[in-house]
Amino acid sequence: MHRQPDDSDAIDHIQQQRQQQQQGQQGQQGQQAQHEGPEFWTIEMGEAAFFALLGTPNGAGVARMLASYPQMFGRGVITSAVVDPRGDPTLVWVVRRIEETEL
């Protein structure tokens, strides 16, 4: 049975990517100081993980809202996503307002 991917699938994928990146960095740098817990992850527009998150119901809803109601929210573009992986992952979309001169 095929199911629709959701936010938890995207978060799991991002966590796996970040762990692989950290393991690669540790291998290159030798021993690395351990953190007191996970830090926030900023995922910029253009990264595969950004588009994976944008394709989830939470991401698509924000993008649709901005596109459908520019008179209410101003003309904006989603520039990045910030993930707090502690506990239940929290996802925050960063939106930049587009000025008329940029259109």
Protein backbone atom coordinates (compact mmCIF):
# COMPACT_ATOMS: atom_id res chain seq x y z
CA MET A 1 0.00 0.00 0.00
CA HIS A 2 1.36 3.40 -0.99
CA ARG A 3 0.97 6.28 1.44
CA GLN A 4 1.47 10.02 1.08
CA PRO A 5 4.75 11.24 2.62
CA ASP A 6 4.30 13.61 5.53
CA ASP A 7 6.42 15.99 7.63
CA SER A 8 7.84 13.18 9.78
CA ASP A 9 9.23 11.47 6.66
CA ALA A 10 10.97 14.69 5.59
CA ILE A 11 12.32 15.28 9.13
CA ASP A 12 13.63 11.69 9.28
CA HIS A 13 15.36 12.18 5.92
CA ILE A 14 16.95 15.44 7.07
CA GLN A 15 18.10 13.87 10.35
CA GLN A 16 19.78 11.06 8.41
CA GLN A 17 21.50 13.57 6.10
CA ARG A 18 22.73 15.67 9.03
CA GLN A 19 24.06 12.58 10.86
CA GLN A 20 25.94 11.52 7.75
CA GLN A 21 27.38 15.03 7.38
CA GLN A 22 28.45 15.09 11.03
CA GLN A 23 30.06 11.65 10.75
CA GLY A 24 31.96 12.80 7.68
CA GLN A 25 33.13 15.96 9.45
CA GLN A 26 34.21 13.98 12.50
CA GLY A 27 36.18 11.63 10.30
CA GLN A 28 37.93 14.55 8.62
CA GLN A 29 38.60 16.57 11.77
CA GLY A 30 39.36 13.75 14.19
CA GLN A 31 37.61 14.03 17.51
CA GLN A 32 35.02 16.76 17.74
CA ALA A 33 33.56 18.25 20.92
CA GLN A 34 30.15 16.84 21.75
CA HIS A 35 27.20 19.24 21.86
CA GLU A 36 24.78 19.46 24.75
CA GLY A 37 21.99 18.44 22.37
CA PRO A 38 20.94 19.03 18.82
CA GLU A 39 21.02 22.51 17.44
CA PHE A 40 18.62 24.22 15.08
CA TRP A 41 19.00 23.32 11.43
CA THR A 42 18.61 26.01 8.81
CA ILE A 43 17.71 24.61 5.42
CA GLU A 44 18.11 27.13 2.61
CA MET A 45 16.09 27.39 -0.57
CA GLY A 46 17.84 25.33 -3.24
CA GLU A 47 18.72 22.40 -0.98
CA ALA A 48 16.97 19.10 -1.69
CA ALA A 49 15.77 18.96 1.93
CA PHE A 50 14.11 22.39 1.53
CA PHE A 51 12.03 21.16 -1.39
CA ALA A 52 11.26 17.89 0.43
CA LEU A 53 9.80 19.91 3.33
CA LEU A 54 8.03 22.34 1.01
CA GLY A 55 6.29 19.38 -0.61
CA THR A 56 4.73 18.24 2.68
CA PRO A 57 1.25 19.41 3.71
CA ASN A 58 2.70 22.03 6.08
CA GLY A 59 5.02 23.47 3.47
CA ALA A 60 2.54 23.38 0.60
CA GLY A 61 -0.07 25.09 2.77
CA VAL A 62 2.21 28.01 3.57
CA ALA A 63 3.25 28.41 -0.06
CA ARG A 64 -0.37 28.25 -1.23
CA MET A 65 -1.45 30.80 1.38
CA LEU A 66 1.26 33.27 0.30
CA ALA A 67 0.41 32.84 -3.37
CA SER A 68 -3.36 33.02 -2.89
CA TYR A 69 -3.58 35.98 -0.53
CA PRO A 70 -0.85 38.52 -1.35
CA GLN A 71 -3.18 41.37 -0.33
CA MET A 72 -3.32 39.94 3.22
CA PHE A 73 0.27 38.77 3.69
CA GLY A 74 2.16 40.97 1.26
CA ARG A 75 4.11 39.54 -1.60
CA GLY A 76 6.47 37.08 0.00
CA VAL A 77 8.76 34.21 -0.83
CA ILE A 78 9.80 31.38 1.46
CA THR A 79 13.59 31.62 1.72
CA SER A 80 14.44 28.90 4.24
CA ALA A 81 13.13 26.50 6.84
CA VAL A 82 14.40 26.23 10.41
CA VAL A 83 14.02 22.89 12.17
CA ASP A 84 14.32 22.32 15.91
CA PRO A 85 14.77 18.53 16.15
CA ARG A 86 14.45 18.32 19.94
CA GLY A 87 11.41 16.38 21.13
CA ASP A 88 8.63 16.78 18.61
CA PRO A 89 10.39 18.48 15.69
CA THR A 90 9.33 22.07 15.13
CA LEU A 91 9.36 23.58 11.66
CA VAL A 92 9.45 27.34 11.06
CA TRP A 93 9.27 28.85 7.58
CA VAL A 94 11.24 32.05 6.95
CA VAL A 95 9.44 34.41 4.58
CA ARG A 96 10.96 37.47 2.95
CA ARG A 97 8.71 40.21 1.65
CA ILE A 98 9.28 41.13 -1.99
CA GLU A 99 9.27 44.83 -2.78
CA GLU A 100 7.46 46.15 -5.84
CA THR A 101 10.81 47.04 -7.42
CA GLU A 102 11.83 43.36 -7.32
CA LEU A 103 8.86 42.14 -9.38
